[in-house]
Amino acid sequence: MKKISGLLLVGCSALALAGCGADDISSPGAGSITINNPTPTPTPTPTPTSGVVTPAASCPSFNATGGLTDSGTITGPEGEWRVCTLPSLVDVSSSLPKVSGVLYRLNGRVDVGCDGGFSAPTAAAPFATTTASCGGRSLTADTDVTLTIDPGVIVYGENGAEPAWLAVNRGNKINAVGTASQPIIFTSRQNVVGTNDDSSQGQWGGVVLMGRGIVTDCAYGSTAAGTCERDTEGSANPAIFGGNDNSYNAGTMKYFQVRYSGFVLGANSELQSLTAEGIGDGTTLEYFQSVNSSDDGAEFFGGKVKFKHYIAVNADDDSIDLDTGLEGYFQYLLLLQRDGDGDALMEIDSNGAESDTPRQKTILANFTGVQPSDNANSDDAAVLIRGNSDITWANGIINVPNNECLRLNGSGTVPATITADSVVMTCNSAIYLGTGTYTAADTEAQFTAGTNNDDTFTSTLTSTFVNGSNESGVPAFDANTLDSFFDTTDYIGAVKDAADTWYRGWTCDNATADFGSGSACTALPTT
């Protein structure tokens, strides 16, 4: 039997919860579980030294109304920090500078700008709204707020009346650009005070980018009329996304981590580490690590996304979840689940509205997915593809020796499809599943129709995710022929060999994945 997990403490209540995704029940994470993970080899160093950090004398200036609130100090294994709390609304463009001894705090939901609506307003077609979440103001133009976060900044969430999360609303942007040596870290209060271990998760909401891209499965309007909008999952108050602009620019995020996030409010309603909703390819996303999300590593709802260098470690639901008409382009993905917890490495669907258009069209190239045990709870296989979606794989590695590798669900007028080239899979003896109108044989036929695929591959991965001799012997497919966004590589998987270290320095290490960064995810950098 598949493992079912589902209890998460929310405030003082224990709720039985269902995961996001179309029609199946999946695990949103179990905050009360105990996981005995092996010690990493080598053990991440250095070990935090008490007293290294001393608090700054005061908080820096901040342009938004109310500025930063000096909330005193907080003490953890690294020393004592000055706590500077963001206002609930960042109403003008503002910056969070890197200041020694300062941590920035989200106390509940923090909005970047006010929601600009379905379309960018113009002089000929202005809009006017008055909402409590936007300070009761009337608007006739986008607030056009940009929140800038400097390299090395640490922001932590502390749940208040609703979970702490950063909401970048339509018509506004984030500019969070870290570096390979100074990543930006979004994390939880528990991480700051030093009480986390490798099983910790679900301690705050996460980062949500809302845009004006095209979405399906409407909460408001319809796809037929071109007026489709949706609500953010897990939001107690409206946080709406969607529009008709797949070039929408929600800003830039590079070299950043999101740790211990994924707050659940109810059935089918949760926040994960990073949620991109109707953003467009004007948005830049690169070098991202999700750590111990109690829901998905990240979830993408509609719009058009281009993303390189994506890492999800210990997601308690899906390592990556792709939904509702997404046009997606992803290259260099490490999808790494811990032993015994998590659901699918990939869940790809359109929430059951199989007749909605546009169909989801997503290409994933140079990915490595690892599941040590039979983790796939409701999704049944390591990868689930369903709904109104057409998926292309190139240069992939699926290493799940104790689980079925691929499940296609046939539903709707034109069921989901997959095209694969230069993809290898290490699976259990069943290998494939088919549901709905698809049989396992139908799933197998679609996968094996491509070139240089192998569904009985013997994995020789080293250090969990680095190509070994067998992987190096597989001819690569030129992903650049699919779209100019993709690099041409001469290897499959995300990491060519031991000399390929794009993941090192800006990441943190834990028992599931030692990236050689020298910094444990349970600790904070002090420089």
Protein backbone atom coordinates (compact mmCIF):
# COMPACT_ATOMS: atom_id res chain seq x y z
CA MET A 1 0.00 0.00 0.00
CA LYS A 2 1.12 3.53 -0.69
CA LYS A 3 2.04 5.63 2.32
CA ILE A 4 -0.62 8.20 3.24
CA SER A 5 0.41 11.18 5.34
CA GLY A 6 -1.80 14.06 6.20
CA LEU A 7 -1.75 15.59 9.67
CA LEU A 8 -0.37 19.07 10.13
CA LEU A 9 -0.68 21.26 13.20
CA VAL A 10 -2.21 24.63 12.28
CA GLY A 11 -2.30 26.90 15.30
CA CYS A 12 -3.89 24.71 17.99
CA SER A 13 -5.91 22.53 15.60
CA ALA A 14 -4.99 19.28 13.90
CA LEU A 15 -6.51 19.14 10.42
CA ALA A 16 -6.74 16.28 7.97
CA LEU A 17 -5.61 17.84 4.77
CA ALA A 18 -5.54 17.13 1.05
CA GLY A 19 -2.76 18.20 -1.27
CA CYS A 20 -2.98 20.50 -4.23
CA GLY A 21 -3.45 19.19 -7.73
CA ALA A 22 -6.44 18.06 -9.68
CA ASP A 23 -8.52 15.21 -8.42
CA ASP A 24 -6.26 12.94 -6.40
CA ILE A 25 -5.45 13.24 -2.72
CA SER A 26 -1.81 13.97 -2.03
CA SER A 27 0.27 14.72 1.02
CA PRO A 28 0.71 18.40 1.92
CA GLY A 29 3.24 17.38 4.54
CA ALA A 30 3.21 16.08 8.05
CA GLY A 31 4.71 18.51 10.49
CA SER A 32 4.56 16.04 13.39
CA ILE A 33 6.53 13.21 11.81
CA THR A 34 9.96 12.08 12.93
CA ILE A 35 12.45 11.16 10.24
CA ASN A 36 15.71 9.44 11.01
CA ASN A 37 17.98 10.57 8.23
CA PRO A 38 21.54 9.34 7.85
CA THR A 39 24.40 11.69 8.62
CA PRO A 40 25.63 13.40 5.43
CA THR A 41 29.00 12.35 4.09
CA PRO A 42 30.89 14.52 4.63
CA THR A 43 29.06 16.23 7.51
CA PRO A 44 28.31 19.86 6.51
CA THR A 45 30.76 22.33 8.05
CA PRO A 46 31.36 24.69 9.68
CA THR A 47 29.28 24.04 12.80
CA PRO A 48 27.66 27.29 13.99
CA THR A 49 29.58 28.99 16.78
CA SER A 50 27.55 30.76 19.45
CA GLY A 51 28.22 34.45 19.75
CA VAL A 52 29.66 35.12 16.29
CA VAL A 53 26.91 37.61 15.41
CA THR A 54 26.26 40.80 17.35
CA PRO A 55 23.12 42.88 16.74
CA ALA A 56 23.22 46.06 14.72
CA ALA A 57 22.49 49.19 16.74
CA SER A 58 19.33 49.94 14.76
CA CYS A 59 17.32 49.08 11.67
CA PRO A 60 18.23 50.67 8.34
CA SER A 61 15.93 53.17 6.65
CA PHE A 62 13.09 51.87 4.47
CA ASN A 63 11.01 54.00 2.13
CA ALA A 64 7.62 52.37 2.66
CA THR A 65 5.06 54.01 4.93
CA GLY A 66 5.88 53.12 8.53
CA GLY A 67 9.39 52.01 7.64
CA LEU A 68 10.95 49.04 9.38
CA THR A 69 9.91 48.37 12.96
CA ASP A 70 12.73 47.65 15.39
CA SER A 71 11.44 44.48 17.09
CA GLY A 72 14.35 44.05 19.44
CA THR A 73 16.78 41.18 19.15
CA ILE A 74 16.62 37.43 18.68
CA THR A 75 19.23 34.92 19.75
CA GLY A 76 20.25 31.73 17.99
CA PRO A 77 23.28 29.47 17.61
CA GLU A 78 25.07 32.08 15.50
CA GLY A 79 24.67 34.84 18.08
CA GLU A 80 22.28 37.77 18.52
CA TRP A 81 20.54 39.62 15.69
CA ARG A 82 18.63 42.88 15.38
CA VAL A 83 15.08 42.11 14.14
CA CYS A 84 13.62 44.60 11.64
CA THR A 85 9.96 43.91 10.81
CA LEU A 86 8.52 44.86 7.42
CA PRO A 87 5.21 46.74 7.28
CA SER A 88 2.20 44.75 6.07
CA LEU A 89 2.16 46.84 2.87
CA VAL A 90 5.23 48.00 0.97
CA ASP A 91 3.53 50.93 -0.72
CA VAL A 92 6.52 52.54 -2.48
CA SER A 93 9.70 51.08 -3.94
CA SER A 94 12.00 50.13 -1.07
CA SER A 95 15.20 48.19 -0.40
CA LEU A 96 16.42 45.72 2.20
CA PRO A 97 20.19 46.23 2.41
CA LYS A 98 22.67 43.71 3.76
CA VAL A 99 23.59 44.97 7.23
CA SER A 100 25.75 42.97 9.62
CA GLY A 101 23.71 41.71 12.56
CA VAL A 102 20.29 42.39 10.96
CA LEU A 103 17.49 39.97 10.12
CA TYR A 104 14.32 41.09 8.33
CA ARG A 105 11.00 39.72 9.59
CA LEU A 106 7.65 39.05 7.92
CA ASN A 107 4.97 39.16 10.62
CA GLY A 108 2.06 37.64 8.70
CA ARG A 109 1.34 38.52 5.09
CA VAL A 110 3.41 41.30 3.54
CA ASP A 111 2.12 42.79 0.27
CA VAL A 112 4.47 44.30 -2.28
CA GLY A 113 2.28 46.99 -3.83
CA CYS A 114 -1.46 46.81 -4.40
CA ASP A 115 -3.10 44.46 -6.87
CA GLY A 116 -3.18 46.17 -10.25
CA GLY A 117 -5.95 44.00 -11.68
CA PHE A 118 -6.37 41.87 -14.81
CA SER A 119 -4.78 44.36 -17.23
CA ALA A 120 -2.35 47.20 -16.76
CA PRO A 121 -4.48 50.33 -16.41
CA THR A 122 -4.20 53.12 -18.97
CA ALA A 123 -5.45 56.67 -19.13
CA ALA A 124 -8.26 55.45 -21.37
CA ALA A 125 -9.08 52.50 -19.12
CA PRO A 126 -8.13 53.24 -15.52
CA PHE A 127 -9.32 51.19 -12.61
CA ALA A 128 -10.43 52.17 -9.13
CA THR A 129 -10.39 49.84 -6.14
CA THR A 130 -10.55 50.31 -2.42
CA THR A 131 -9.47 47.30 -0.40
CA ALA A 132 -8.32 46.79 3.17
CA SER A 133 -5.27 44.89 1.94
CA CYS A 134 -4.16 48.00 0.06
CA GLY A 135 -4.54 50.44 2.90
CA GLY A 136 -8.00 51.64 1.85
CA ARG A 137 -6.63 53.64 -1.06
CA SER A 138 -8.26 54.27 -4.46
CA LEU A 139 -6.08 53.53 -7.44
CA THR A 140 -6.08 54.67 -11.03
CA ALA A 141 -2.69 53.20 -12.01
CA ASP A 142 -0.42 50.38 -10.98
CA THR A 143 1.39 51.18 -7.76
CA ASP A 144 4.49 49.91 -9.59
CA VAL A 145 6.34 49.07 -6.38
CA THR A 146 9.64 47.18 -6.50
CA LEU A 147 11.00 45.49 -3.40
CA THR A 148 14.79 45.15 -3.75
CA ILE A 149 16.65 42.64 -1.58
CA ASP A 150 20.44 42.76 -1.54
CA PRO A 151 22.80 39.76 -1.73
CA GLY A 152 23.30 37.96 1.58
CA VAL A 153 20.08 39.25 3.17
CA ILE A 154 18.14 36.87 5.43
CA VAL A 155 14.36 37.29 5.69
CA TYR A 156 12.39 35.13 8.12
CA GLY A 157 8.67 34.53 8.48
CA GLU A 158 6.79 34.50 11.75
CA ASN A 159 3.17 33.47 11.55
CA GLY A 160 0.67 35.92 12.96
CA ALA A 161 -3.10 36.07 12.45
CA GLU A 162 -2.37 34.45 9.08
CA PRO A 163 0.79 32.74 7.90
CA ALA A 164 3.81 34.86 7.11
CA TRP A 165 4.31 35.14 3.37
CA LEU A 166 5.53 37.62 0.80
CA ALA A 167 2.88 38.53 -1.78
CA VAL A 168 4.18 40.33 -4.88
CA ASN A 169 0.95 41.61 -6.40
CA ARG A 170 0.08 42.27 -10.05
CA GLY A 171 1.59 45.51 -11.28
CA ASN A 172 4.59 45.29 -8.90
CA LYS A 173 7.97 43.56 -8.81
CA ILE A 174 10.62 41.92 -6.69
CA ASN A 175 14.35 42.37 -7.32
CA ALA A 176 16.01 39.71 -5.17
CA VAL A 177 19.38 39.04 -6.76
CA GLY A 178 21.89 37.18 -4.63
CA THR A 179 25.28 35.90 -5.74
CA ALA A 180 26.98 32.51 -5.77
CA SER A 181 28.75 33.41 -2.52
CA GLN A 182 25.99 35.57 -0.99
CA PRO A 183 22.59 33.94 -1.62
CA ILE A 184 19.39 35.51 -0.35
CA ILE A 185 17.71 33.29 2.25
CA PHE A 186 13.99 33.22 3.09
CA THR A 187 13.40 31.07 6.14
CA SER A 188 11.50 30.56 9.40
CA ARG A 189 11.87 31.82 12.96
CA GLN A 190 12.66 28.28 14.09
CA ASN A 191 15.65 28.22 11.73
CA VAL A 192 16.89 31.45 13.33
CA VAL A 193 16.65 30.22 16.93
CA GLY A 194 18.25 26.89 16.00
CA THR A 195 15.48 24.38 16.77
CA ASN A 196 15.19 22.83 13.29
CA ASP A 197 16.42 19.46 12.10
CA ASP A 198 16.16 17.63 8.79
CA SER A 199 12.48 16.77 9.39
CA SER A 200 11.35 20.38 10.04
CA GLN A 201 8.89 21.92 7.59
CA GLY A 202 5.71 23.97 7.21
CA GLN A 203 6.79 26.81 9.52
CA TRP A 204 5.73 29.82 7.43
CA GLY A 205 4.08 30.57 4.10
CA GLY A 206 6.65 31.30 1.39
CA VAL A 207 7.10 33.66 -1.57
CA VAL A 208 4.27 34.23 -4.07
CA LEU A 209 4.62 36.05 -7.39
CA MET A 210 1.33 37.09 -8.99
CA GLY A 211 1.10 38.16 -12.62
CA ARG A 212 -1.12 38.85 -15.60
CA GLY A 213 -0.32 35.72 -17.60
CA ILE A 214 -2.96 33.46 -19.13
CA VAL A 215 -4.40 30.85 -16.75
CA THR A 216 -7.12 28.19 -16.83
CA ASP A 217 -9.44 26.65 -14.20
CA CYS A 218 -11.01 30.01 -13.43
CA ALA A 219 -12.28 31.29 -10.12
CA TYR A 220 -13.49 34.43 -11.94
CA GLY A 221 -14.32 34.95 -15.60
CA SER A 222 -13.79 32.27 -18.23
CA THR A 223 -11.16 31.06 -20.65
CA ALA A 224 -13.65 31.32 -23.52
CA ALA A 225 -14.07 35.04 -22.89
CA GLY A 226 -10.37 35.56 -22.15
CA THR A 227 -11.16 36.85 -18.66
CA CYS A 228 -9.89 34.00 -16.49
CA GLU A 229 -8.50 34.77 -13.01
CA ARG A 230 -7.69 32.62 -9.98
CA ASP A 231 -7.17 32.97 -6.22
CA THR A 232 -3.89 32.15 -4.52
CA GLU A 233 -4.08 28.81 -2.73
CA GLY A 234 -3.71 29.18 1.02
CA SER A 235 -4.56 32.88 1.17
CA ALA A 236 -7.13 33.91 3.78
CA ASN A 237 -7.73 37.19 1.91
CA PRO A 238 -7.95 37.75 -1.87
CA ALA A 239 -4.66 37.43 -3.71
CA ILE A 240 -5.75 37.26 -7.33
CA PHE A 241 -3.71 36.47 -10.43
CA GLY A 242 -4.24 36.00 -14.14
CA GLY A 243 -4.69 38.14 -17.23
CA ASN A 244 -3.77 38.06 -20.91
CA ASP A 245 -0.05 38.95 -20.86
CA ASN A 246 2.37 36.01 -21.00
CA SER A 247 5.29 38.45 -21.26
CA TYR A 248 4.50 39.84 -17.80
CA ASN A 249 7.50 40.86 -15.68
CA ALA A 250 7.20 40.10 -11.95
CA GLY A 251 10.87 40.96 -11.41
CA THR A 252 14.07 38.98 -10.90
CA MET A 253 15.05 36.32 -8.37
CA LYS A 254 18.49 34.70 -8.58
CA TYR A 255 20.68 32.77 -6.14
CA PHE A 256 18.05 32.38 -3.44
CA GLN A 257 16.87 29.77 -0.97
CA VAL A 258 13.43 29.26 0.56
CA ARG A 259 13.58 27.06 3.66
CA TYR A 260 11.01 25.27 5.91
CA SER A 261 7.93 26.80 4.26
CA GLY A 262 4.57 25.48 3.13
CA PHE A 263 1.73 26.54 5.39
CA VAL A 264 -1.62 24.74 5.02
CA LEU A 265 -4.94 26.42 5.81
CA GLY A 266 -7.35 23.72 4.62
CA ALA A 267 -8.09 21.03 2.08
CA ASN A 268 -6.54 21.80 -1.32
CA SER A 269 -5.33 25.15 0.01
CA GLU A 270 -1.67 25.55 0.81
CA LEU A 271 1.36 27.74 0.27
CA GLN A 272 4.72 26.28 -0.75
CA SER A 273 8.22 27.71 -0.84
CA LEU A 274 7.85 29.51 -4.20
CA THR A 275 4.55 29.96 -6.01
CA ALA A 276 4.55 31.59 -9.46
CA GLU A 277 1.05 32.49 -10.61
CA GLY A 278 0.41 33.84 -14.08
CA ILE A 279 3.88 35.34 -14.38
CA GLY A 280 5.37 35.83 -17.84
CA ASP A 281 8.71 35.27 -19.52
CA GLY A 282 9.67 38.86 -18.70
CA THR A 283 10.30 37.47 -15.19
CA THR A 284 13.79 36.12 -14.48
CA LEU A 285 14.13 33.05 -12.23
CA GLU A 286 17.50 31.32 -11.80
CA TYR A 287 19.48 29.45 -9.16
CA PHE A 288 16.77 28.53 -6.67
CA GLN A 289 16.85 26.04 -3.80
CA SER A 290 13.71 24.91 -2.00
CA VAL A 291 14.43 23.20 1.34
CA ASN A 292 11.88 21.15 3.31
CA SER A 293 8.66 22.59 1.94
CA SER A 294 5.69 20.87 3.54
CA ASP A 295 3.93 21.16 0.18
CA ASP A 296 5.61 21.38 -3.25
CA GLY A 297 9.18 22.41 -3.93
CA ALA A 298 7.56 25.10 -6.10
CA GLU A 299 4.30 25.37 -7.99
CA PHE A 300 3.65 27.20 -11.25
CA PHE A 301 0.12 28.22 -12.26
CA GLY A 302 -0.30 29.22 -15.89
CA GLY A 303 1.48 32.06 -17.62
CA LYS A 304 4.87 31.55 -19.27
CA VAL A 305 7.92 30.59 -17.22
CA LYS A 306 11.58 30.27 -18.18
CA PHE A 307 13.74 28.85 -15.39
CA LYS A 308 17.30 27.51 -15.19
CA HIS A 309 18.98 25.87 -12.18
CA TYR A 310 16.15 24.65 -9.98
CA ILE A 311 16.74 22.54 -6.85
CA ALA A 312 14.05 21.04 -4.61
CA VAL A 313 15.19 19.06 -1.56
CA ASN A 314 12.79 17.24 0.79
CA ALA A 315 9.52 18.54 -0.61
CA ASP A 316 6.79 16.72 1.30
CA ASP A 317 4.43 16.78 -1.69
CA ASP A 318 5.75 17.18 -5.25
CA SER A 319 9.26 18.36 -6.06
CA ILE A 320 7.80 20.48 -8.86
CA ASP A 321 4.11 21.04 -9.63
CA LEU A 322 2.98 22.50 -12.97
CA ASP A 323 -0.63 23.60 -13.49
CA THR A 324 -3.41 25.40 -15.31
CA GLY A 325 -2.22 26.11 -18.82
CA LEU A 326 1.44 26.77 -18.04
CA GLU A 327 3.81 27.37 -20.94
CA GLY A 328 7.01 26.29 -19.21
CA TYR A 329 10.70 26.00 -20.08
CA PHE A 330 12.93 24.45 -17.40
CA GLN A 331 16.58 23.36 -17.63
CA TYR A 332 18.97 21.94 -15.00
CA LEU A 333 16.68 20.56 -12.30
CA LEU A 334 17.62 18.54 -9.21
CA LEU A 335 14.52 16.93 -7.69
CA LEU A 336 15.67 15.16 -4.53
CA GLN A 337 13.28 13.58 -2.05
CA ARG A 338 14.11 12.15 1.35
CA ASP A 339 13.66 8.50 2.12
CA GLY A 340 10.03 7.67 2.82
CA ASP A 341 8.43 11.12 2.48
CA GLY A 342 7.15 13.12 -0.46
CA ASP A 343 4.85 12.41 -3.34
CA ALA A 344 5.75 12.76 -7.03
CA LEU A 345 8.95 14.21 -8.37
CA MET A 346 6.74 15.93 -10.96
CA GLU A 347 2.99 16.49 -10.92
CA ILE A 348 1.74 18.02 -14.15
CA ASP A 349 -1.93 18.77 -14.66
CA SER A 350 -4.67 21.30 -15.15
CA ASN A 351 -6.83 20.70 -12.08
CA GLY A 352 -9.51 18.75 -13.92
CA ALA A 353 -10.65 21.38 -16.42
CA GLU A 354 -9.45 19.26 -19.32
CA SER A 355 -11.33 21.20 -21.98
CA ASP A 356 -9.85 24.59 -21.04
CA THR A 357 -7.33 26.20 -23.32
CA PRO A 358 -4.53 26.93 -23.64
CA ARG A 359 -3.29 23.41 -23.06
CA GLN A 360 -0.30 23.20 -20.81
CA LYS A 361 2.89 23.00 -22.87
CA THR A 362 6.03 22.46 -20.83
CA ILE A 363 9.56 21.33 -21.72
CA LEU A 364 11.90 20.00 -19.03
CA ALA A 365 15.52 19.42 -20.02
CA ASN A 366 18.56 18.15 -18.13
CA PHE A 367 16.79 16.98 -15.00
CA THR A 368 17.77 14.45 -12.35
CA GLY A 369 15.09 13.11 -10.01
CA VAL A 370 15.89 10.79 -7.10
CA GLN A 371 13.45 8.97 -4.80
CA PRO A 372 15.09 6.42 -2.49
CA SER A 373 11.86 4.59 -1.58
CA ASP A 374 8.22 4.29 -2.62
CA ASN A 375 7.36 7.91 -1.86
CA ALA A 376 4.57 8.60 -4.35
CA ASN A 377 1.47 8.71 -2.19
CA SER A 378 -1.67 9.62 -4.16
CA ASP A 379 0.19 10.23 -7.42
CA ASP A 380 1.14 6.53 -7.43
CA ALA A 381 4.22 6.99 -9.63
CA ALA A 382 7.32 9.17 -9.45
CA VAL A 383 5.87 11.32 -12.24
CA LEU A 384 2.16 11.98 -12.83
CA ILE A 385 1.01 13.69 -16.05
CA ARG A 386 -2.69 14.38 -16.60
CA GLY A 387 -5.19 17.04 -17.54
CA ASN A 388 -4.87 19.27 -20.56
CA SER A 389 -1.08 19.01 -20.86
CA ASP A 390 1.54 18.20 -23.48
CA ILE A 391 4.93 17.52 -21.92
CA THR A 392 8.37 17.21 -23.50
CA TRP A 393 11.36 15.66 -21.75
CA ALA A 394 14.95 15.88 -22.93
CA ASN A 395 18.13 14.59 -21.30
CA GLY A 396 16.50 13.33 -18.13
CA ILE A 397 17.31 10.87 -15.34
CA ILE A 398 14.65 9.31 -13.10
CA ASN A 399 16.17 7.14 -10.35
CA VAL A 400 13.34 5.60 -8.32
CA PRO A 401 14.18 1.90 -7.93
CA ASN A 402 11.32 1.20 -5.51
CA ASN A 403 8.55 2.99 -7.38
CA GLU A 404 6.78 3.10 -10.72
CA CYS A 405 8.40 5.79 -12.84
CA LEU A 406 5.63 7.25 -14.99
CA ARG A 407 1.85 7.48 -14.84
CA LEU A 408 -0.29 9.04 -17.56
CA ASN A 409 -3.92 9.72 -16.83
CA GLY A 410 -6.22 9.77 -19.85
CA SER A 411 -9.12 12.16 -19.43
CA GLY A 412 -10.76 14.94 -21.41
CA THR A 413 -11.34 15.21 -25.14
CA VAL A 414 -7.59 15.11 -25.87
CA PRO A 415 -5.74 13.44 -22.97
CA ALA A 416 -2.29 14.42 -21.75
CA THR A 417 0.75 13.46 -23.82
CA ILE A 418 4.48 13.03 -23.27
CA THR A 419 7.38 13.12 -25.73
CA ALA A 420 10.79 12.03 -24.46
CA ASP A 421 14.30 11.91 -25.93
CA SER A 422 17.49 10.80 -24.16
CA VAL A 423 15.70 10.01 -20.90
CA VAL A 424 16.65 7.06 -18.70
CA MET A 425 14.62 5.59 -15.85
CA THR A 426 15.47 3.23 -13.00
CA CYS A 427 12.13 1.94 -11.71
CA ASN A 428 10.43 -0.97 -9.96
CA SER A 429 9.32 -3.93 -12.04
CA ALA A 430 6.02 -2.33 -13.07
CA ILE A 431 7.69 0.82 -14.52
CA TYR A 432 4.46 2.34 -15.91
CA LEU A 433 0.92 3.08 -14.79
CA GLY A 434 -2.09 4.17 -16.82
CA THR A 435 -5.38 5.49 -15.47
CA GLY A 436 -8.55 6.90 -17.00
CA THR A 437 -8.59 5.98 -20.65
CA TYR A 438 -4.86 5.18 -20.63
CA THR A 439 -3.41 1.78 -19.82
CA ALA A 440 0.13 1.11 -18.66
CA ALA A 441 0.86 -0.03 -22.21
CA ASP A 442 -0.31 3.35 -23.54
CA THR A 443 2.07 5.11 -21.16
CA GLU A 444 4.92 2.85 -22.22
CA ALA A 445 4.22 3.43 -25.91
CA GLN A 446 4.44 7.20 -25.54
CA PHE A 447 7.71 7.08 -23.59
CA THR A 448 9.46 4.54 -25.81
CA ALA A 449 8.52 6.33 -29.04
CA GLY A 450 11.39 8.77 -28.53
CA THR A 451 15.11 8.32 -29.19
CA ASN A 452 17.80 7.03 -26.81
CA ASN A 453 15.34 6.31 -24.00
CA ASP A 454 15.87 3.45 -21.55
CA ASP A 455 13.24 2.32 -19.00
CA THR A 456 15.39 -0.46 -17.45
CA PHE A 457 18.44 1.67 -16.84
CA THR A 458 21.02 0.79 -14.19
CA SER A 459 21.85 3.96 -12.31
CA THR A 460 25.45 4.76 -11.45
CA LEU A 461 24.82 8.21 -9.98
CA THR A 462 27.44 9.29 -7.47
CA SER A 463 26.99 11.68 -4.53
CA THR A 464 23.23 11.22 -5.01
CA PHE A 465 22.89 13.29 -8.20
CA VAL A 466 26.19 13.42 -10.14
CA ASN A 467 26.39 11.42 -13.38
CA GLY A 468 28.35 8.18 -13.26
CA SER A 469 29.69 6.00 -16.04
CA ASN A 470 26.34 4.68 -17.26
CA GLU A 471 24.75 8.13 -17.37
CA SER A 472 27.78 9.51 -19.21
CA GLY A 473 27.33 6.87 -21.89
CA VAL A 474 23.86 8.03 -22.94
CA PRO A 475 23.81 10.22 -26.07
CA ALA A 476 22.42 13.68 -25.38
CA PHE A 477 19.56 15.35 -27.24
CA ASP A 478 20.05 18.94 -28.43
CA ALA A 479 17.41 20.76 -26.39
CA ASN A 480 18.19 23.97 -28.23
CA THR A 481 16.27 22.54 -31.19
CA LEU A 482 13.14 22.67 -29.03
CA ASP A 483 13.54 26.35 -28.11
CA SER A 484 16.39 28.85 -28.19
CA PHE A 485 16.08 29.26 -24.42
CA PHE A 486 17.78 25.90 -23.88
CA ASP A 487 21.52 25.35 -23.82
CA THR A 488 22.96 22.64 -26.00
CA THR A 489 24.61 20.03 -23.76
CA ASP A 490 26.61 16.89 -24.45
CA TYR A 491 25.21 15.07 -21.40
CA ILE A 492 21.92 14.00 -19.85
CA GLY A 493 20.84 14.90 -16.32
CA ALA A 494 21.42 18.06 -14.33
CA VAL A 495 25.05 17.52 -13.35
CA LYS A 496 27.54 16.27 -15.94
CA ASP A 497 30.32 15.06 -13.65
CA ALA A 498 32.29 15.93 -10.51
CA ALA A 499 33.75 18.99 -12.21
CA ASP A 500 30.28 20.42 -12.88
CA THR A 501 29.50 22.34 -9.67
CA TRP A 502 26.87 24.92 -10.63
CA TYR A 503 24.95 23.96 -7.46
CA ARG A 504 27.78 24.71 -5.02
CA GLY A 505 28.28 27.75 -2.79
CA TRP A 506 24.81 29.32 -2.91
CA THR A 507 23.01 26.24 -1.53
CA CYS A 508 22.85 24.64 1.92
CA ASP A 509 23.44 20.98 2.83
CA ASN A 510 21.37 18.38 4.65
CA ALA A 511 21.15 14.61 5.00
CA THR A 512 19.35 14.16 1.67
CA ALA A 513 21.78 16.19 -0.40
CA ASP A 514 25.29 17.35 0.43
CA PHE A 515 26.08 20.02 -2.16
CA GLY A 516 29.54 20.64 -0.74
CA SER A 517 28.58 24.19 0.15
CA GLY A 518 29.94 23.92 3.70
CA SER A 519 26.77 25.31 5.25
CA ALA A 520 24.03 23.26 6.89
CA CYS A 521 20.41 24.19 6.12
CA THR A 522 19.71 24.15 9.88
CA ALA A 523 22.23 26.99 10.34
CA LEU A 524 22.44 30.58 9.11
CA PRO A 525 25.45 32.15 7.40
CA THR A 526 27.17 34.77 9.52
CA THR A 527 28.84 36.79 6.78
